[in-house]
Amino acid sequence: MLFLVTIVLAGAALIVDGGRALVARRHAADTAEAAARFAMSPRRVAAGFDPEHAIRVAHDYVLRAGVADGDVVIAMRTDAAGRPEIVVTITERPRTIFLALTGAESMTVRATGAAIALYST
């Protein structure tokens, strides 16, 4: 009987807490990708690319989406063709429900989104 209860609780933990982790990861990925794309939108790039402005735009977008300031990392780099690329990484820590019984009160999930500035003359 105790074995059966343990199996049921483990299954519930996997379904509930695993689902919460997947939802948090999807939210982080969607927000990171959207922030990167918004920062590199054609309107912003056509006026002359300013990497610092792109970082500020991405950062503002992420903050408006409800991500804490300490949970976002934004970096600029260049791709293989030499085009500017912005990379947004978001960390989320969803609270656990069943895994809290084991002492793990939260999980950590990370997602990264990137966008390249494409423009033509």
PDB file of N, CA and C in Angstrom:
ATOM      1  N   MET A   1       0.817  -1.192   0.000  1.00  0.00           N
ATOM      2  CA  MET A   1       0.000   0.000   0.000  1.00  0.00           C
ATOM      3  C   MET A   1       0.864   1.260   0.000  1.00  0.00           C
ATOM      4  N   LEU A   2       1.890   1.301   0.830  1.00  0.00           N
ATOM      5  CA  LEU A   2       2.788   2.456   0.889  1.00  0.00           C
ATOM      6  C   LEU A   2       3.491   2.644  -0.458  1.00  0.00           C
ATOM      7  N   PHE A   3       3.848   1.551  -1.093  1.00  0.00           N
ATOM      8  CA  PHE A   3       4.497   1.623  -2.412  1.00  0.00           C
ATOM      9  C   PHE A   3       3.559   2.260  -3.431  1.00  0.00           C
ATOM     10  N   LEU A   4       2.302   1.891  -3.387  1.00  0.00           N
ATOM     11  CA  LEU A   4       1.319   2.446  -4.314  1.00  0.00           C
ATOM     12  C   LEU A   4       1.126   3.947  -4.081  1.00  0.00           C
ATOM     13  N   VAL A   5       1.069   4.374  -2.849  1.00  0.00           N
ATOM     14  CA  VAL A   5       0.937   5.802  -2.533  1.00  0.00           C
ATOM     15  C   VAL A   5       2.164   6.564  -3.032  1.00  0.00           C
ATOM     16  N   THR A   6       3.332   5.979  -2.848  1.00  0.00           N
ATOM     17  CA  THR A   6       4.570   6.609  -3.318  1.00  0.00           C
ATOM     18  C   THR A   6       4.551   6.761  -4.833  1.00  0.00           C
ATOM     19  N   ILE A   7       4.119   5.746  -5.538  1.00  0.00           N
ATOM     20  CA  ILE A   7       4.046   5.794  -7.007  1.00  0.00           C
ATOM     21  C   ILE A   7       3.038   6.851  -7.452  1.00  0.00           C
ATOM     22  N   VAL A   8       1.904   6.923  -6.807  1.00  0.00           N
ATOM     23  CA  VAL A   8       0.878   7.913  -7.170  1.00  0.00           C
ATOM     24  C   VAL A   8       1.393   9.338  -6.931  1.00  0.00           C
ATOM     25  N   LEU A   9       2.045   9.581  -5.799  1.00  0.00           N
ATOM     26  CA  LEU A   9       2.602  10.902  -5.518  1.00  0.00           C
ATOM     27  C   LEU A   9       3.718  11.264  -6.498  1.00  0.00           C
ATOM     28  N   ALA A  10       4.544  10.297  -6.844  1.00  0.00           N
ATOM     29  CA  ALA A  10       5.607  10.560  -7.816  1.00  0.00           C
ATOM     30  C   ALA A  10       5.016  10.910  -9.183  1.00  0.00           C
ATOM     31  N   GLY A  11       3.979  10.190  -9.575  1.00  0.00           N
ATOM     32  CA  GLY A  11       3.308  10.499 -10.835  1.00  0.00           C
ATOM     33  C   GLY A  11       2.664  11.874 -10.817  1.00  0.00           C
ATOM     34  N   ALA A  12       2.025  12.211  -9.714  1.00  0.00           N
ATOM     35  CA  ALA A  12       1.407  13.532  -9.588  1.00  0.00           C
ATOM     36  C   ALA A  12       2.471  14.619  -9.627  1.00  0.00           C
ATOM     37  N   ALA A  13       3.588  14.387  -8.977  1.00  0.00           N
ATOM     38  CA  ALA A  13       4.679  15.370  -8.982  1.00  0.00           C
ATOM     39  C   ALA A  13       5.199  15.576 -10.391  1.00  0.00           C
ATOM     40  N   LEU A  14       5.357  14.493 -11.120  1.00  0.00           N
ATOM     41  CA  LEU A  14       5.834  14.596 -12.499  1.00  0.00           C
ATOM     42  C   LEU A  14       4.853  15.365 -13.368  1.00  0.00           C
ATOM     43  N   ILE A  15       3.594  15.072 -13.244  1.00  0.00           N
ATOM     44  CA  ILE A  15       2.586  15.726 -14.077  1.00  0.00           C
ATOM     45  C   ILE A  15       2.418  17.197 -13.690  1.00  0.00           C
ATOM     46  N   VAL A  16       2.200  17.473 -12.426  1.00  0.00           N
ATOM     47  CA  VAL A  16       1.905  18.846 -11.992  1.00  0.00           C
ATOM     48  C   VAL A  16       3.151  19.723 -12.050  1.00  0.00           C
ATOM     49  N   ASP A  17       4.207  19.315 -11.374  1.00  0.00           N
ATOM     50  CA  ASP A  17       5.404  20.147 -11.333  1.00  0.00           C
ATOM     51  C   ASP A  17       6.128  20.167 -12.678  1.00  0.00           C
ATOM     52  N   GLY A  18       6.121  19.052 -13.374  1.00  0.00           N
ATOM     53  CA  GLY A  18       6.708  19.030 -14.715  1.00  0.00           C
ATOM     54  C   GLY A  18       5.950  19.941 -15.662  1.00  0.00           C
ATOM     55  N   GLY A  19       4.631  19.940 -15.556  1.00  0.00           N
ATOM     56  CA  GLY A  19       3.823  20.842 -16.376  1.00  0.00           C
ATOM     57  C   GLY A  19       4.095  22.297 -16.058  1.00  0.00           C
ATOM     58  N   ARG A  20       4.266  22.598 -14.780  1.00  0.00           N
ATOM     59  CA  ARG A  20       4.581  23.982 -14.387  1.00  0.00           C
ATOM     60  C   ARG A  20       5.936  24.402 -14.946  1.00  0.00           C
ATOM     61  N   ALA A  21       6.901  23.488 -14.955  1.00  0.00           N
ATOM     62  CA  ALA A  21       8.219  23.796 -15.519  1.00  0.00           C
ATOM     63  C   ALA A  21       8.122  24.039 -17.021  1.00  0.00           C
ATOM     64  N   LEU A  22       7.332  23.229 -17.716  1.00  0.00           N
ATOM     65  CA  LEU A  22       7.168  23.417 -19.160  1.00  0.00           C
ATOM     66  C   LEU A  22       6.483  24.736 -19.488  1.00  0.00           C
ATOM     67  N   VAL A  23       5.485  25.103 -18.707  1.00  0.00           N
ATOM     68  CA  VAL A  23       4.793  26.383 -18.924  1.00  0.00           C
ATOM     69  C   VAL A  23       5.758  27.546 -18.684  1.00  0.00           C
ATOM     70  N   ALA A  24       6.547  27.470 -17.623  1.00  0.00           N
ATOM     71  CA  ALA A  24       7.514  28.537 -17.327  1.00  0.00           C
ATOM     72  C   ALA A  24       8.566  28.633 -18.419  1.00  0.00           C
ATOM     73  N   ARG A  25       9.021  27.494 -18.926  1.00  0.00           N
ATOM     74  CA  ARG A  25      10.026  27.504 -19.996  1.00  0.00           C
ATOM     75  C   ARG A  25       9.456  28.103 -21.269  1.00  0.00           C
ATOM     76  N   ARG A  26       8.222  27.745 -21.592  1.00  0.00           N
ATOM     77  CA  ARG A  26       7.587  28.289 -22.801  1.00  0.00           C
ATOM     78  C   ARG A  26       7.393  29.800 -22.660  1.00  0.00           C
ATOM     79  N   HIS A  27       6.991  30.264 -21.484  1.00  0.00           N
ATOM     80  CA  HIS A  27       6.835  31.704 -21.258  1.00  0.00           C
ATOM     81  C   HIS A  27       8.176  32.416 -21.405  1.00  0.00           C
ATOM     82  N   ALA A  28       9.232  31.852 -20.821  1.00  0.00           N
ATOM     83  CA  ALA A  28      10.558  32.458 -20.921  1.00  0.00           C
ATOM     84  C   ALA A  28      11.034  32.493 -22.370  1.00  0.00           C
ATOM     85  N   ALA A  29      10.824  31.401 -23.103  1.00  0.00           N
ATOM     86  CA  ALA A  29      11.251  31.347 -24.509  1.00  0.00           C
ATOM     87  C   ALA A  29      10.469  32.337 -25.364  1.00  0.00           C
ATOM     88  N   ASP A  30       9.155  32.366 -25.189  1.00  0.00           N
ATOM     89  CA  ASP A  30       8.330  33.299 -25.968  1.00  0.00           C
ATOM     90  C   ASP A  30       8.721  34.747 -25.686  1.00  0.00           C
ATOM     91  N   THR A  31       8.932  35.071 -24.432  1.00  0.00           N
ATOM     92  CA  THR A  31       9.291  36.440 -24.059  1.00  0.00           C
ATOM     93  C   THR A  31      10.672  36.808 -24.579  1.00  0.00           C
ATOM     94  N   ALA A  32      11.635  35.905 -24.453  1.00  0.00           N
ATOM     95  CA  ALA A  32      12.996  36.182 -24.927  1.00  0.00           C
ATOM     96  C   ALA A  32      13.019  36.369 -26.441  1.00  0.00           C
ATOM     97  N   GLU A  33      12.319  35.497 -27.168  1.00  0.00           N
ATOM     98  CA  GLU A  33      12.286  35.616 -28.628  1.00  0.00           C
ATOM     99  C   GLU A  33      11.586  36.896 -29.063  1.00  0.00           C
ATOM    100  N   ALA A  34      10.481  37.216 -28.418  1.00  0.00           N
ATOM    101  CA  ALA A  34       9.737  38.433 -28.780  1.00  0.00           C
ATOM    102  C   ALA A  34      10.564  39.689 -28.477  1.00  0.00           C
ATOM    103  N   ALA A  35      11.261  39.707 -27.355  1.00  0.00           N
ATOM    104  CA  ALA A  35      12.085  40.868 -27.010  1.00  0.00           C
ATOM    105  C   ALA A  35      13.212  41.053 -28.016  1.00  0.00           C
ATOM    106  N   ALA A  36      13.841  39.961 -28.414  1.00  0.00           N
ATOM    107  CA  ALA A  36      14.928  40.041 -29.397  1.00  0.00           C
ATOM    108  C   ALA A  36      14.404  40.535 -30.740  1.00  0.00           C
ATOM    109  N   ARG A  37      13.288  39.993 -31.178  1.00  0.00           N
ATOM    110  CA  ARG A  37      12.708  40.431 -32.458  1.00  0.00           C
ATOM    111  C   ARG A  37      12.286  41.894 -32.409  1.00  0.00           C
ATOM    112  N   PHE A  38      11.674  42.298 -31.314  1.00  0.00           N
ATOM    113  CA  PHE A  38      11.214  43.680 -31.186  1.00  0.00           C
ATOM    114  C   PHE A  38      12.402  44.647 -31.231  1.00  0.00           C
ATOM    115  N   ALA A  39      13.496  44.273 -30.558  1.00  0.00           N
ATOM    116  CA  ALA A  39      14.681  45.138 -30.546  1.00  0.00           C
ATOM    117  C   ALA A  39      15.315  45.255 -31.928  1.00  0.00           C
ATOM    118  N   MET A  40      15.148  44.232 -32.760  1.00  0.00           N
ATOM    119  CA  MET A  40      15.750  44.238 -34.092  1.00  0.00           C
ATOM    120  C   MET A  40      14.723  44.482 -35.198  1.00  0.00           C
ATOM    121  N   SER A  41      13.598  45.055 -34.859  1.00  0.00           N
ATOM    122  CA  SER A  41      12.564  45.286 -35.872  1.00  0.00           C
ATOM    123  C   SER A  41      13.103  46.184 -36.982  1.00  0.00           C
ATOM    124  N   PRO A  42      12.617  46.002 -38.204  1.00  0.00           N
ATOM    125  CA  PRO A  42      13.133  46.767 -39.346  1.00  0.00           C
ATOM    126  C   PRO A  42      13.071  48.280 -39.155  1.00  0.00           C
ATOM    127  N   ARG A  43      12.036  48.782 -38.493  1.00  0.00           N
ATOM    128  CA  ARG A  43      11.949  50.231 -38.265  1.00  0.00           C
ATOM    129  C   ARG A  43      13.141  50.733 -37.466  1.00  0.00           C
ATOM    130  N   ARG A  44      13.568  49.951 -36.484  1.00  0.00           N
ATOM    131  CA  ARG A  44      14.676  50.385 -35.643  1.00  0.00           C
ATOM    132  C   ARG A  44      16.009  50.270 -36.379  1.00  0.00           C
ATOM    133  N   VAL A  45      16.156  49.225 -37.182  1.00  0.00           N
ATOM    134  CA  VAL A  45      17.418  48.992 -37.882  1.00  0.00           C
ATOM    135  C   VAL A  45      17.574  49.947 -39.060  1.00  0.00           C
ATOM    136  N   ALA A  46      16.498  50.258 -39.770  1.00  0.00           N
ATOM    137  CA  ALA A  46      16.569  51.116 -40.948  1.00  0.00           C
ATOM    138  C   ALA A  46      17.045  52.521 -40.603  1.00  0.00           C
ATOM    139  N   ALA A  47      16.778  52.982 -39.397  1.00  0.00           N
ATOM    140  CA  ALA A  47      17.172  54.330 -39.000  1.00  0.00           C
ATOM    141  C   ALA A  47      18.641  54.402 -38.603  1.00  0.00           C
ATOM    142  N   GLY A  48      19.353  53.314 -38.702  1.00  0.00           N
ATOM    143  CA  GLY A  48      20.752  53.254 -38.262  1.00  0.00           C
ATOM    144  C   GLY A  48      20.833  52.417 -37.010  1.00  0.00           C
ATOM    145  N   PHE A  49      21.605  51.376 -37.053  1.00  0.00           N
ATOM    146  CA  PHE A  49      21.623  50.427 -35.946  1.00  0.00           C
ATOM    147  C   PHE A  49      22.441  50.964 -34.778  1.00  0.00           C
ATOM    148  N   ASP A  50      21.840  50.954 -33.611  1.00  0.00           N
ATOM    149  CA  ASP A  50      22.491  51.361 -32.369  1.00  0.00           C
ATOM    150  C   ASP A  50      22.376  50.199 -31.382  1.00  0.00           C
ATOM    151  N   PRO A  51      23.466  49.460 -31.145  1.00  0.00           N
ATOM    152  CA  PRO A  51      23.395  48.286 -30.271  1.00  0.00           C
ATOM    153  C   PRO A  51      22.901  48.604 -28.862  1.00  0.00           C
ATOM    154  N   GLU A  52      23.309  49.725 -28.316  1.00  0.00           N
ATOM    155  CA  GLU A  52      22.895  50.068 -26.955  1.00  0.00           C
ATOM    156  C   GLU A  52      21.405  50.358 -26.884  1.00  0.00           C
ATOM    157  N   HIS A  53      20.886  50.989 -27.928  1.00  0.00           N
ATOM    158  CA  HIS A  53      19.449  51.239 -27.979  1.00  0.00           C
ATOM    159  C   HIS A  53      18.685  49.914 -28.106  1.00  0.00           C
ATOM    160  N   ALA A  54      19.199  48.996 -28.912  1.00  0.00           N
ATOM    161  CA  ALA A  54      18.554  47.682 -29.070  1.00  0.00           C
ATOM    162  C   ALA A  54      18.508  46.938 -27.743  1.00  0.00           C
ATOM    163  N   ILE A  55      19.580  47.010 -26.980  1.00  0.00           N
ATOM    164  CA  ILE A  55      19.611  46.353 -25.667  1.00  0.00           C
ATOM    165  C   ILE A  55      18.578  46.991 -24.738  1.00  0.00           C
ATOM    166  N   ARG A  56      18.489  48.320 -24.745  1.00  0.00           N
ATOM    167  CA  ARG A  56      17.492  49.000 -23.895  1.00  0.00           C
ATOM    168  C   ARG A  56      16.073  48.618 -24.294  1.00  0.00           C
ATOM    169  N   VAL A  57      15.817  48.554 -25.602  1.00  0.00           N
ATOM    170  CA  VAL A  57      14.480  48.193 -26.084  1.00  0.00           C
ATOM    171  C   VAL A  57      14.121  46.775 -25.639  1.00  0.00           C
ATOM    172  N   ALA A  58      15.047  45.840 -25.814  1.00  0.00           N
ATOM    173  CA  ALA A  58      14.802  44.450 -25.402  1.00  0.00           C
ATOM    174  C   ALA A  58      14.587  44.369 -23.890  1.00  0.00           C
ATOM    175  N   HIS A  59      15.380  45.097 -23.141  1.00  0.00           N
ATOM    176  CA  HIS A  59      15.267  45.081 -21.677  1.00  0.00           C
ATOM    177  C   HIS A  59      13.912  45.640 -21.239  1.00  0.00           C
ATOM    178  N   ASP A  60      13.493  46.754 -21.832  1.00  0.00           N
ATOM    179  CA  ASP A  60      12.187  47.326 -21.503  1.00  0.00           C
ATOM    180  C   ASP A  60      11.058  46.356 -21.831  1.00  0.00           C
ATOM    181  N   TYR A  61      11.175  45.670 -22.964  1.00  0.00           N
ATOM    182  CA  TYR A  61      10.146  44.708 -23.372  1.00  0.00           C
ATOM    183  C   TYR A  61      10.019  43.592 -22.334  1.00  0.00           C
ATOM    184  N   VAL A  62      11.155  43.071 -21.909  1.00  0.00           N
ATOM    185  CA  VAL A  62      11.160  41.970 -20.940  1.00  0.00           C
ATOM    186  C   VAL A  62      10.568  42.420 -19.602  1.00  0.00           C
ATOM    187  N   LEU A  63      10.925  43.616 -19.161  1.00  0.00           N
ATOM    188  CA  LEU A  63      10.376  44.115 -17.899  1.00  0.00           C
ATOM    189  C   LEU A  63       8.866  44.301 -17.985  1.00  0.00           C
ATOM    190  N   ARG A  64       8.378  44.811 -19.124  1.00  0.00           N
ATOM    191  CA  ARG A  64       6.922  44.968 -19.292  1.00  0.00           C
ATOM    192  C   ARG A  64       6.210  43.620 -19.339  1.00  0.00           C
ATOM    193  N   ALA A  65       6.919  42.577 -19.725  1.00  0.00           N
ATOM    194  CA  ALA A  65       6.331  41.235 -19.765  1.00  0.00           C
ATOM    195  C   ALA A  65       6.294  40.586 -18.386  1.00  0.00           C
ATOM    196  N   GLY A  66       6.824  41.270 -17.375  1.00  0.00           N
ATOM    197  CA  GLY A  66       6.740  40.760 -16.015  1.00  0.00           C
ATOM    198  C   GLY A  66       7.941  39.980 -15.533  1.00  0.00           C
ATOM    199  N   VAL A  67       9.040  40.013 -16.262  1.00  0.00           N
ATOM    200  CA  VAL A  67      10.249  39.309 -15.842  1.00  0.00           C
ATOM    201  C   VAL A  67      11.052  40.236 -14.933  1.00  0.00           C
ATOM    202  N   ALA A  68      11.542  39.698 -13.837  1.00  0.00           N
ATOM    203  CA  ALA A  68      12.337  40.502 -12.899  1.00  0.00           C
ATOM    204  C   ALA A  68      13.653  40.922 -13.542  1.00  0.00           C
ATOM    205  N   ASP A  69      14.127  42.093 -13.156  1.00  0.00           N
ATOM    206  CA  ASP A  69      15.340  42.657 -13.738  1.00  0.00           C
ATOM    207  C   ASP A  69      16.542  41.721 -13.589  1.00  0.00           C
ATOM    208  N   GLY A  70      16.655  41.047 -12.462  1.00  0.00           N
ATOM    209  CA  GLY A  70      17.788  40.154 -12.228  1.00  0.00           C
ATOM    210  C   GLY A  70      17.706  38.829 -12.968  1.00  0.00           C
ATOM    211  N   ASP A  71      16.588  38.556 -13.642  1.00  0.00           N
ATOM    212  CA  ASP A  71      16.401  37.282 -14.333  1.00  0.00           C
ATOM    213  C   ASP A  71      16.585  37.380 -15.838  1.00  0.00           C
ATOM    214  N   VAL A  72      17.172  38.477 -16.296  1.00  0.00           N
ATOM    215  CA  VAL A  72      17.366  38.653 -17.737  1.00  0.00           C
ATOM    216  C   VAL A  72      18.814  39.041 -18.019  1.00  0.00           C
ATOM    217  N   VAL A  73      19.367  38.428 -19.067  1.00  0.00           N
ATOM    218  CA  VAL A  73      20.708  38.767 -19.546  1.00  0.00           C
ATOM    219  C   VAL A  73      20.571  39.061 -21.035  1.00  0.00           C
ATOM    220  N   ILE A  74      21.060  40.222 -21.449  1.00  0.00           N
ATOM    221  CA  ILE A  74      20.981  40.622 -22.851  1.00  0.00           C
ATOM    222  C   ILE A  74      22.387  40.915 -23.344  1.00  0.00           C
ATOM    223  N   ALA A  75      22.726  40.345 -24.487  1.00  0.00           N
ATOM    224  CA  ALA A  75      24.064  40.537 -25.047  1.00  0.00           C
ATOM    225  C   ALA A  75      23.972  40.787 -26.546  1.00  0.00           C
ATOM    226  N   MET A  76      24.943  41.514 -27.056  1.00  0.00           N
ATOM    227  CA  MET A  76      25.061  41.731 -28.500  1.00  0.00           C
ATOM    228  C   MET A  76      26.268  40.943 -28.992  1.00  0.00           C
ATOM    229  N   ARG A  77      26.144  40.388 -30.182  1.00  0.00           N
ATOM    230  CA  ARG A  77      27.257  39.697 -30.827  1.00  0.00           C
ATOM    231  C   ARG A  77      27.055  39.807 -32.329  1.00  0.00           C
ATOM    232  N   THR A  78      27.970  39.292 -33.077  1.00  0.00           N
ATOM    233  CA  THR A  78      27.806  39.271 -34.532  1.00  0.00           C
ATOM    234  C   THR A  78      27.746  37.821 -34.986  1.00  0.00           C
ATOM    235  N   ASP A  79      26.953  37.579 -36.027  1.00  0.00           N
ATOM    236  CA  ASP A  79      26.869  36.219 -36.556  1.00  0.00           C
ATOM    237  C   ASP A  79      28.031  35.976 -37.515  1.00  0.00           C
ATOM    238  N   ALA A  80      28.049  34.821 -38.147  1.00  0.00           N
ATOM    239  CA  ALA A  80      29.155  34.454 -39.034  1.00  0.00           C
ATOM    240  C   ALA A  80      29.296  35.409 -40.213  1.00  0.00           C
ATOM    241  N   ALA A  81      28.195  36.029 -40.640  1.00  0.00           N
ATOM    242  CA  ALA A  81      28.230  36.962 -41.773  1.00  0.00           C
ATOM    243  C   ALA A  81      28.551  38.390 -41.327  1.00  0.00           C
ATOM    244  N   GLY A  82      28.778  38.600 -40.037  1.00  0.00           N
ATOM    245  CA  GLY A  82      29.122  39.922 -39.533  1.00  0.00           C
ATOM    246  C   GLY A  82      27.929  40.801 -39.204  1.00  0.00           C
ATOM    247  N   ARG A  83      26.723  40.231 -39.234  1.00  0.00           N
ATOM    248  CA  ARG A  83      25.524  41.015 -38.903  1.00  0.00           C
ATOM    249  C   ARG A  83      25.335  41.058 -37.394  1.00  0.00           C
ATOM    250  N   PRO A  84      24.831  42.191 -36.882  1.00  0.00           N
ATOM    251  CA  PRO A  84      24.594  42.270 -35.434  1.00  0.00           C
ATOM    252  C   PRO A  84      23.456  41.334 -35.012  1.00  0.00           C
ATOM    253  N   GLU A  85      23.645  40.711 -33.863  1.00  0.00           N
ATOM    254  CA  GLU A  85      22.645  39.788 -33.322  1.00  0.00           C
ATOM    255  C   GLU A  85      22.463  40.091 -31.841  1.00  0.00           C
ATOM    256  N   ILE A  86      21.225  40.145 -31.410  1.00  0.00           N
ATOM    257  CA  ILE A  86      20.934  40.350 -29.993  1.00  0.00           C
ATOM    258  C   ILE A  86      20.482  39.011 -29.408  1.00  0.00           C
ATOM    259  N   VAL A  87      20.975  38.704 -28.223  1.00  0.00           N
ATOM    260  CA  VAL A  87      20.646  37.449 -27.554  1.00  0.00           C
ATOM    261  C   VAL A  87      20.053  37.786 -26.188  1.00  0.00           C
ATOM    262  N   VAL A  88      18.833  37.299 -25.949  1.00  0.00           N
ATOM    263  CA  VAL A  88      18.121  37.554 -24.699  1.00  0.00           C
ATOM    264  C   VAL A  88      17.948  36.220 -23.968  1.00  0.00           C
ATOM    265  N   THR A  89      18.432  36.147 -22.746  1.00  0.00           N
ATOM    266  CA  THR A  89      18.288  34.933 -21.935  1.00  0.00           C
ATOM    267  C   THR A  89      17.477  35.271 -20.694  1.00  0.00           C
ATOM    268  N   ILE A  90      16.435  34.478 -20.464  1.00  0.00           N
ATOM    269  CA  ILE A  90      15.544  34.704 -19.323  1.00  0.00           C
ATOM    270  C   ILE A  90      15.558  33.473 -18.422  1.00  0.00           C
ATOM    271  N   THR A  91      15.625  33.719 -17.122  1.00  0.00           N
ATOM    272  CA  THR A  91      15.550  32.654 -16.119  1.00  0.00           C
ATOM    273  C   THR A  91      14.244  32.813 -15.348  1.00  0.00           C
ATOM    274  N   GLU A  92      13.518  31.733 -15.210  1.00  0.00           N
ATOM    275  CA  GLU A  92      12.304  31.741 -14.385  1.00  0.00           C
ATOM    276  C   GLU A  92      12.425  30.666 -13.320  1.00  0.00           C
ATOM    277  N   ARG A  93      11.799  30.921 -12.189  1.00  0.00           N
ATOM    278  CA  ARG A  93      11.838  29.979 -11.063  1.00  0.00           C
ATOM    279  C   ARG A  93      10.419  29.679 -10.577  1.00  0.00           C
ATOM    280  N   PRO A  94       9.724  28.778 -11.270  1.00  0.00           N
ATOM    281  CA  PRO A  94       8.367  28.456 -10.819  1.00  0.00           C
ATOM    282  C   PRO A  94       8.397  27.665  -9.511  1.00  0.00           C
ATOM    283  N   ARG A  95       7.436  27.942  -8.668  1.00  0.00           N
ATOM    284  CA  ARG A  95       7.315  27.225  -7.394  1.00  0.00           C
ATOM    285  C   ARG A  95       6.785  25.814  -7.652  1.00  0.00           C
ATOM    286  N   THR A  96       7.247  24.888  -6.859  1.00  0.00           N
ATOM    287  CA  THR A  96       6.776  23.511  -6.976  1.00  0.00           C
ATOM    288  C   THR A  96       5.610  23.279  -6.027  1.00  0.00           C
ATOM    289  N   ILE A  97       4.856  22.246  -6.321  1.00  0.00           N
ATOM    290  CA  ILE A  97       3.743  21.873  -5.448  1.00  0.00           C
ATOM    291  C   ILE A  97       4.069  20.553  -4.751  1.00  0.00           C
ATOM    292  N   PHE A  98       4.238  19.496  -5.534  1.00  0.00           N
ATOM    293  CA  PHE A  98       4.524  18.196  -4.942  1.00  0.00           C
ATOM    294  C   PHE A  98       5.998  18.046  -4.589  1.00  0.00           C
ATOM    295  N   LEU A  99       6.890  18.588  -5.418  1.00  0.00           N
ATOM    296  CA  LEU A  99       8.307  18.465  -5.113  1.00  0.00           C
ATOM    297  C   LEU A  99       8.703  19.254  -3.876  1.00  0.00           C
ATOM    298  N   ALA A 100       7.849  20.177  -3.444  1.00  0.00           N
ATOM    299  CA  ALA A 100       8.111  20.911  -2.205  1.00  0.00           C
ATOM    300  C   ALA A 100       8.163  19.954  -1.017  1.00  0.00           C
ATOM    301  N   LEU A 101       7.498  18.809  -1.147  1.00  0.00           N
ATOM    302  CA  LEU A 101       7.541  17.806  -0.077  1.00  0.00           C
ATOM    303  C   LEU A 101       8.943  17.234   0.094  1.00  0.00           C
ATOM    304  N   THR A 102       9.767  17.319  -0.944  1.00  0.00           N
ATOM    305  CA  THR A 102      11.138  16.814  -0.867  1.00  0.00           C
ATOM    306  C   THR A 102      12.124  17.909  -0.500  1.00  0.00           C
ATOM    307  N   GLY A 103      11.634  19.145  -0.350  1.00  0.00           N
ATOM    308  CA  GLY A 103      12.503  20.256   0.000  1.00  0.00           C
ATOM    309  C   GLY A 103      12.813  21.177  -1.168  1.00  0.00           C
ATOM    310  N   ALA A 104      12.447  20.771  -2.383  1.00  0.00           N
ATOM    311  CA  ALA A 104      12.683  21.615  -3.562  1.00  0.00           C
ATOM    312  C   ALA A 104      11.487  22.545  -3.731  1.00  0.00           C
ATOM    313  N   GLU A 105      11.623  23.776  -3.261  1.00  0.00           N
ATOM    314  CA  GLU A 105      10.493  24.704  -3.298  1.00  0.00           C
ATOM    315  C   GLU A 105      10.309  25.381  -4.650  1.00  0.00           C
ATOM    316  N   SER A 106      11.348  25.353  -5.490  1.00  0.00           N
ATOM    317  CA  SER A 106      11.214  25.937  -6.826  1.00  0.00           C
ATOM    318  C   SER A 106      12.146  25.211  -7.789  1.00  0.00           C
ATOM    319  N   MET A 107      11.900  25.440  -9.069  1.00  0.00           N
ATOM    320  CA  MET A 107      12.743  24.893 -10.130  1.00  0.00           C
ATOM    321  C   MET A 107      13.326  26.072 -10.898  1.00  0.00           C
ATOM    322  N   THR A 108      14.397  25.849 -11.592  1.00  0.00           N
ATOM    323  CA  THR A 108      14.990  26.896 -12.418  1.00  0.00           C
ATOM    324  C   THR A 108      14.927  26.464 -13.872  1.00  0.00           C
ATOM    325  N   VAL A 109      14.341  27.316 -14.716  1.00  0.00           N
ATOM    326  CA  VAL A 109      14.306  27.067 -16.151  1.00  0.00           C
ATOM    327  C   VAL A 109      14.868  28.290 -16.862  1.00  0.00           C
ATOM    328  N   ARG A 110      15.574  28.049 -17.956  1.00  0.00           N
ATOM    329  CA  ARG A 110      16.153  29.137 -18.749  1.00  0.00           C
ATOM    330  C   ARG A 110      15.778  28.956 -20.206  1.00  0.00           C
ATOM    331  N   ALA A 111      15.642  30.093 -20.874  1.00  0.00           N
ATOM    332  CA  ALA A 111      15.374  30.064 -22.308  1.00  0.00           C
ATOM    333  C   ALA A 111      16.076  31.251 -22.941  1.00  0.00           C
ATOM    334  N   THR A 112      16.485  31.057 -24.183  1.00  0.00           N
ATOM    335  CA  THR A 112      17.208  32.090 -24.913  1.00  0.00           C
ATOM    336  C   THR A 112      16.519  32.361 -26.236  1.00  0.00           C
ATOM    337  N   GLY A 113      16.447  33.627 -26.577  1.00  0.00           N
ATOM    338  CA  GLY A 113      15.927  34.042 -27.875  1.00  0.00           C
ATOM    339  C   GLY A 113      16.940  34.959 -28.528  1.00  0.00           C
ATOM    340  N   ALA A 114      17.056  34.876 -29.851  1.00  0.00           N
ATOM    341  CA  ALA A 114      18.032  35.700 -30.569  1.00  0.00           C
ATOM    342  C   ALA A 114      17.405  36.217 -31.853  1.00  0.00           C
ATOM    343  N   ALA A 115      17.895  37.360 -32.300  1.00  0.00           N
ATOM    344  CA  ALA A 115      17.425  37.939 -33.564  1.00  0.00           C
ATOM    345  C   ALA A 115      18.603  38.631 -34.237  1.00  0.00           C
ATOM    346  N   ILE A 116      18.620  38.532 -35.548  1.00  0.00           N
ATOM    347  CA  ILE A 116      19.673  39.148 -36.354  1.00  0.00           C
ATOM    348  C   ILE A 116      19.078  40.342 -37.091  1.00  0.00           C
ATOM    349  N   ALA A 117      19.845  41.390 -37.196  1.00  0.00           N
ATOM    350  CA  ALA A 117      19.407  42.571 -37.934  1.00  0.00           C
ATOM    351  C   ALA A 117      19.585  42.315 -39.427  1.00  0.00           C
ATOM    352  N   LEU A 118      18.475  42.167 -40.133  1.00  0.00           N
ATOM    353  CA  LEU A 118      18.515  41.992 -41.588  1.00  0.00           C
ATOM    354  C   LEU A 118      17.947  43.235 -42.232  1.00  0.00           C
ATOM    355  N   TYR A 119      18.671  43.818 -43.118  1.00  0.00           N
ATOM    356  CA  TYR A 119      18.190  44.989 -43.823  1.00  0.00           C
ATOM    357  C   TYR A 119      18.891  45.062 -45.167  1.00  0.00           C
ATOM    358  N   SER A 120      18.276  45.754 -46.078  1.00  0.00           N
ATOM    359  CA  SER A 120      18.860  45.918 -47.402  1.00  0.00           C
ATOM    360  C   SER A 120      18.867  47.395 -47.772  1.00  0.00           C
ATOM    361  N   THR A 121      19.727  47.734 -48.681  1.00  0.00           N
ATOM    362  CA  THR A 121      19.787  49.136 -49.099  1.00  0.00           C
ATOM    363  C   THR A 121      19.168  49.333 -50.451  1.00  0.00           C
TER     364      THR A 121
END
